[in-house]
Amino acid sequence: MKNRFTLIKEIRSLIDEVADSLPVDNISGARDLLRHGEWGLAFELICTQLYEYEVLIFPELYERIERLGQQMKISPDEWEMLRELIKTP
C-alpha cells in the first residue's frame, strides 16, 4: 500500500475532480470521512454516488479509481460497476 499521505492526497484529488458531478452533501460527506481517517469509506461513498447518479466518466477516471482502489486493497466490487458508466467515443 502507498504511503497514507499519498493516498489521502489522491482521494482528495478524486473528490475534487467529481465535486461538480455529485450533490454537495455527498462531497461534504466524503471530505468529512477523509478528515476523520476513513479513506476507504470516502472512496466507497464517491464510487457509490457516481453509480447511483449515473455520472458518465472518462476511461482515464475509471482507471484512476481502479488503481486507487487496488492500492487501498478495497474489493473491486466497490468500483467495477462504474465500468458501465464509461463514456465511449
N, C-alpha and C. Protein backbone atom coordinates (compact mmCIF):
# COMPACT_ATOMS: atom_id res chain seq x y z
N MET A 1 0.85 -1.18 0.00
CA MET A 1 0.00 0.00 0.00
C MET A 1 0.89 1.24 0.00
N LYS A 2 0.44 2.25 -0.71
CA LYS A 2 1.18 3.51 -0.76
C LYS A 2 1.18 4.16 0.61
N ASN A 3 2.08 5.09 0.75
CA ASN A 3 2.16 5.94 1.94
C ASN A 3 0.78 6.58 2.17
N ARG A 4 0.35 6.64 3.39
CA ARG A 4 -1.01 7.13 3.70
C ARG A 4 -1.23 8.58 3.28
N PHE A 5 -0.18 9.40 3.34
CA PHE A 5 -0.33 10.80 2.94
C PHE A 5 -0.56 10.90 1.43
N THR A 6 0.10 10.03 0.67
CA THR A 6 -0.11 10.00 -0.77
C THR A 6 -1.53 9.54 -1.09
N LEU A 7 -2.00 8.53 -0.37
CA LEU A 7 -3.37 8.04 -0.59
C LEU A 7 -4.40 9.12 -0.26
N ILE A 8 -4.20 9.79 0.84
CA ILE A 8 -5.13 10.85 1.23
C ILE A 8 -5.15 11.94 0.16
N LYS A 9 -3.98 12.30 -0.33
CA LYS A 9 -3.89 13.32 -1.38
C LYS A 9 -4.62 12.87 -2.64
N GLU A 10 -4.45 11.61 -3.02
CA GLU A 10 -5.11 11.08 -4.22
C GLU A 10 -6.63 11.01 -4.05
N ILE A 11 -7.09 10.61 -2.88
CA ILE A 11 -8.53 10.56 -2.64
C ILE A 11 -9.10 11.98 -2.64
N ARG A 12 -8.40 12.91 -2.02
CA ARG A 12 -8.84 14.32 -2.01
C ARG A 12 -8.93 14.84 -3.45
N SER A 13 -7.96 14.50 -4.27
CA SER A 13 -7.95 14.91 -5.67
C SER A 13 -9.14 14.29 -6.43
N LEU A 14 -9.43 13.03 -6.15
CA LEU A 14 -10.57 12.37 -6.78
C LEU A 14 -11.87 13.06 -6.38
N ILE A 15 -12.02 13.36 -5.11
CA ILE A 15 -13.22 14.06 -4.62
C ILE A 15 -13.37 15.41 -5.33
N ASP A 16 -12.26 16.14 -5.42
CA ASP A 16 -12.29 17.44 -6.09
C ASP A 16 -12.69 17.30 -7.56
N GLU A 17 -12.19 16.26 -8.20
CA GLU A 17 -12.47 16.06 -9.62
C GLU A 17 -13.94 15.78 -9.90
N VAL A 18 -14.62 15.09 -9.00
CA VAL A 18 -16.03 14.73 -9.24
C VAL A 18 -17.00 15.67 -8.52
N ALA A 19 -16.47 16.66 -7.83
CA ALA A 19 -17.30 17.54 -7.00
C ALA A 19 -18.45 18.20 -7.76
N ASP A 20 -18.23 18.56 -9.02
CA ASP A 20 -19.29 19.21 -9.79
C ASP A 20 -20.34 18.24 -10.30
N SER A 21 -20.07 16.94 -10.18
CA SER A 21 -20.98 15.93 -10.72
C SER A 21 -21.90 15.31 -9.68
N LEU A 22 -21.64 15.59 -8.41
CA LEU A 22 -22.42 14.98 -7.33
C LEU A 22 -23.00 16.05 -6.41
N PRO A 23 -24.07 15.71 -5.68
CA PRO A 23 -24.64 16.67 -4.73
C PRO A 23 -23.62 17.10 -3.67
N VAL A 24 -23.76 18.32 -3.24
CA VAL A 24 -22.86 18.91 -2.24
C VAL A 24 -22.79 18.03 -0.99
N ASP A 25 -23.91 17.47 -0.56
CA ASP A 25 -23.93 16.63 0.64
C ASP A 25 -23.00 15.43 0.51
N ASN A 26 -22.98 14.82 -0.68
CA ASN A 26 -22.11 13.67 -0.91
C ASN A 26 -20.64 14.08 -0.85
N ILE A 27 -20.32 15.20 -1.47
CA ILE A 27 -18.94 15.68 -1.47
C ILE A 27 -18.51 16.06 -0.05
N SER A 28 -19.38 16.75 0.67
CA SER A 28 -19.07 17.12 2.06
C SER A 28 -18.88 15.88 2.91
N GLY A 29 -19.74 14.90 2.72
CA GLY A 29 -19.63 13.65 3.48
C GLY A 29 -18.32 12.94 3.21
N ALA A 30 -17.93 12.88 1.94
CA ALA A 30 -16.66 12.23 1.59
C ALA A 30 -15.48 12.98 2.20
N ARG A 31 -15.53 14.30 2.14
CA ARG A 31 -14.44 15.10 2.73
C ARG A 31 -14.38 14.93 4.25
N ASP A 32 -15.54 14.85 4.90
CA ASP A 32 -15.57 14.62 6.35
C ASP A 32 -14.97 13.25 6.69
N LEU A 33 -15.36 12.24 5.93
CA LEU A 33 -14.80 10.91 6.17
C LEU A 33 -13.29 10.92 6.02
N LEU A 34 -12.81 11.60 4.99
CA LEU A 34 -11.37 11.69 4.76
C LEU A 34 -10.67 12.39 5.92
N ARG A 35 -11.26 13.47 6.38
CA ARG A 35 -10.69 14.22 7.52
C ARG A 35 -10.60 13.36 8.78
N HIS A 36 -11.53 12.43 8.93
CA HIS A 36 -11.56 11.58 10.12
C HIS A 36 -10.83 10.25 9.91
N GLY A 37 -10.02 10.18 8.86
CA GLY A 37 -9.20 8.99 8.64
C GLY A 37 -9.93 7.82 8.02
N GLU A 38 -11.13 8.04 7.54
CA GLU A 38 -11.92 6.96 6.93
C GLU A 38 -11.79 7.03 5.41
N TRP A 39 -10.55 6.82 4.91
CA TRP A 39 -10.29 6.98 3.48
C TRP A 39 -11.06 5.96 2.66
N GLY A 40 -11.11 4.73 3.13
CA GLY A 40 -11.83 3.69 2.40
C GLY A 40 -13.31 4.03 2.25
N LEU A 41 -13.90 4.52 3.33
CA LEU A 41 -15.32 4.88 3.28
C LEU A 41 -15.55 6.09 2.36
N ALA A 42 -14.61 7.03 2.37
CA ALA A 42 -14.71 8.19 1.48
C ALA A 42 -14.66 7.72 0.02
N PHE A 43 -13.74 6.84 -0.27
CA PHE A 43 -13.60 6.28 -1.62
C PHE A 43 -14.87 5.54 -2.03
N GLU A 44 -15.36 4.68 -1.15
CA GLU A 44 -16.57 3.91 -1.44
C GLU A 44 -17.78 4.81 -1.64
N LEU A 45 -17.90 5.87 -0.85
CA LEU A 45 -19.01 6.81 -0.99
C LEU A 45 -18.98 7.45 -2.36
N ILE A 46 -17.82 7.90 -2.79
CA ILE A 46 -17.71 8.54 -4.11
C ILE A 46 -18.09 7.55 -5.21
N CYS A 47 -17.57 6.35 -5.15
CA CYS A 47 -17.89 5.34 -6.16
C CYS A 47 -19.38 5.03 -6.20
N THR A 48 -19.96 4.84 -5.03
CA THR A 48 -21.39 4.52 -4.94
C THR A 48 -22.24 5.65 -5.51
N GLN A 49 -21.90 6.88 -5.17
CA GLN A 49 -22.71 8.00 -5.62
C GLN A 49 -22.53 8.26 -7.12
N LEU A 50 -21.34 8.07 -7.64
CA LEU A 50 -21.16 8.19 -9.09
C LEU A 50 -22.08 7.20 -9.80
N TYR A 51 -22.16 6.00 -9.26
CA TYR A 51 -23.02 4.97 -9.85
C TYR A 51 -24.50 5.31 -9.66
N GLU A 52 -24.88 5.68 -8.47
CA GLU A 52 -26.29 5.99 -8.18
C GLU A 52 -26.81 7.14 -9.04
N TYR A 53 -25.98 8.14 -9.27
CA TYR A 53 -26.39 9.30 -10.07
C TYR A 53 -26.07 9.11 -11.56
N GLU A 54 -25.58 7.91 -11.89
CA GLU A 54 -25.27 7.57 -13.28
C GLU A 54 -24.41 8.63 -13.96
N VAL A 55 -23.36 9.04 -13.27
CA VAL A 55 -22.44 10.04 -13.79
C VAL A 55 -21.52 9.37 -14.81
N LEU A 56 -21.57 9.86 -16.04
CA LEU A 56 -20.69 9.32 -17.06
C LEU A 56 -19.26 9.75 -16.76
N ILE A 57 -18.33 8.81 -16.91
CA ILE A 57 -16.94 9.10 -16.60
C ILE A 57 -16.05 8.75 -17.78
N PHE A 58 -14.92 9.41 -17.87
CA PHE A 58 -13.94 9.11 -18.90
C PHE A 58 -13.15 7.87 -18.50
N PRO A 59 -12.63 7.13 -19.49
CA PRO A 59 -11.84 5.93 -19.18
C PRO A 59 -10.68 6.23 -18.23
N GLU A 60 -10.06 7.39 -18.37
CA GLU A 60 -8.93 7.74 -17.51
C GLU A 60 -9.35 7.85 -16.04
N LEU A 61 -10.54 8.38 -15.80
CA LEU A 61 -11.02 8.48 -14.42
C LEU A 61 -11.30 7.08 -13.87
N TYR A 62 -11.90 6.23 -14.67
CA TYR A 62 -12.15 4.86 -14.22
C TYR A 62 -10.83 4.18 -13.85
N GLU A 63 -9.83 4.31 -14.72
CA GLU A 63 -8.53 3.68 -14.46
C GLU A 63 -7.90 4.23 -13.17
N ARG A 64 -8.07 5.51 -12.95
CA ARG A 64 -7.55 6.12 -11.72
C ARG A 64 -8.26 5.56 -10.49
N ILE A 65 -9.59 5.46 -10.57
CA ILE A 65 -10.38 4.90 -9.47
C ILE A 65 -9.96 3.45 -9.22
N GLU A 66 -9.83 2.68 -10.28
CA GLU A 66 -9.44 1.28 -10.16
C GLU A 66 -8.06 1.15 -9.50
N ARG A 67 -7.11 1.93 -9.97
CA ARG A 67 -5.75 1.89 -9.43
C ARG A 67 -5.75 2.26 -7.94
N LEU A 68 -6.49 3.30 -7.60
CA LEU A 68 -6.57 3.75 -6.21
C LEU A 68 -7.21 2.68 -5.33
N GLY A 69 -8.30 2.08 -5.81
CA GLY A 69 -8.95 1.01 -5.06
C GLY A 69 -8.02 -0.17 -4.82
N GLN A 70 -7.26 -0.53 -5.86
CA GLN A 70 -6.32 -1.65 -5.72
C GLN A 70 -5.22 -1.30 -4.71
N GLN A 71 -4.72 -0.06 -4.77
CA GLN A 71 -3.67 0.34 -3.84
C GLN A 71 -4.17 0.31 -2.40
N MET A 72 -5.45 0.59 -2.21
CA MET A 72 -6.02 0.60 -0.86
C MET A 72 -6.51 -0.79 -0.44
N LYS A 73 -6.39 -1.74 -1.37
CA LYS A 73 -6.82 -3.12 -1.12
C LYS A 73 -8.32 -3.20 -0.81
N ILE A 74 -9.08 -2.40 -1.55
CA ILE A 74 -10.54 -2.40 -1.43
C ILE A 74 -11.09 -3.38 -2.46
N SER A 75 -12.15 -4.06 -2.10
CA SER A 75 -12.77 -5.02 -3.01
C SER A 75 -13.17 -4.35 -4.33
N PRO A 76 -12.84 -4.99 -5.45
CA PRO A 76 -13.23 -4.45 -6.75
C PRO A 76 -14.74 -4.24 -6.89
N ASP A 77 -15.52 -4.93 -6.08
CA ASP A 77 -16.98 -4.74 -6.11
C ASP A 77 -17.37 -3.30 -5.85
N GLU A 78 -16.49 -2.55 -5.20
CA GLU A 78 -16.79 -1.16 -4.85
C GLU A 78 -16.67 -0.21 -6.04
N TRP A 79 -15.94 -0.60 -7.07
CA TRP A 79 -15.79 0.30 -8.22
C TRP A 79 -16.10 -0.31 -9.57
N GLU A 80 -16.13 -1.64 -9.69
CA GLU A 80 -16.31 -2.25 -11.00
C GLU A 80 -17.62 -1.89 -11.68
N MET A 81 -18.65 -1.57 -10.92
CA MET A 81 -19.94 -1.20 -11.50
C MET A 81 -19.82 0.10 -12.30
N LEU A 82 -18.78 0.88 -12.01
CA LEU A 82 -18.58 2.15 -12.73
C LEU A 82 -18.17 1.92 -14.18
N ARG A 83 -17.72 0.73 -14.47
CA ARG A 83 -17.30 0.40 -15.83
C ARG A 83 -18.43 0.68 -16.84
N GLU A 84 -19.67 0.42 -16.43
CA GLU A 84 -20.80 0.65 -17.35
C GLU A 84 -21.10 2.12 -17.58
N LEU A 85 -20.46 3.00 -16.80
CA LEU A 85 -20.69 4.45 -16.95
C LEU A 85 -19.58 5.14 -17.74
N ILE A 86 -18.64 4.34 -18.27
CA ILE A 86 -17.54 4.93 -19.03
C ILE A 86 -18.06 5.48 -20.34
N LYS A 87 -17.70 6.72 -20.62
CA LYS A 87 -18.08 7.36 -21.88
C LYS A 87 -17.31 6.70 -23.00
N THR A 88 -18.03 6.39 -24.06
CA THR A 88 -17.36 5.83 -25.23
C THR A 88 -17.48 6.83 -26.39
N PRO A 89 -16.46 6.89 -27.21
CA PRO A 89 -16.48 7.86 -28.32
C PRO A 89 -17.57 7.57 -29.33
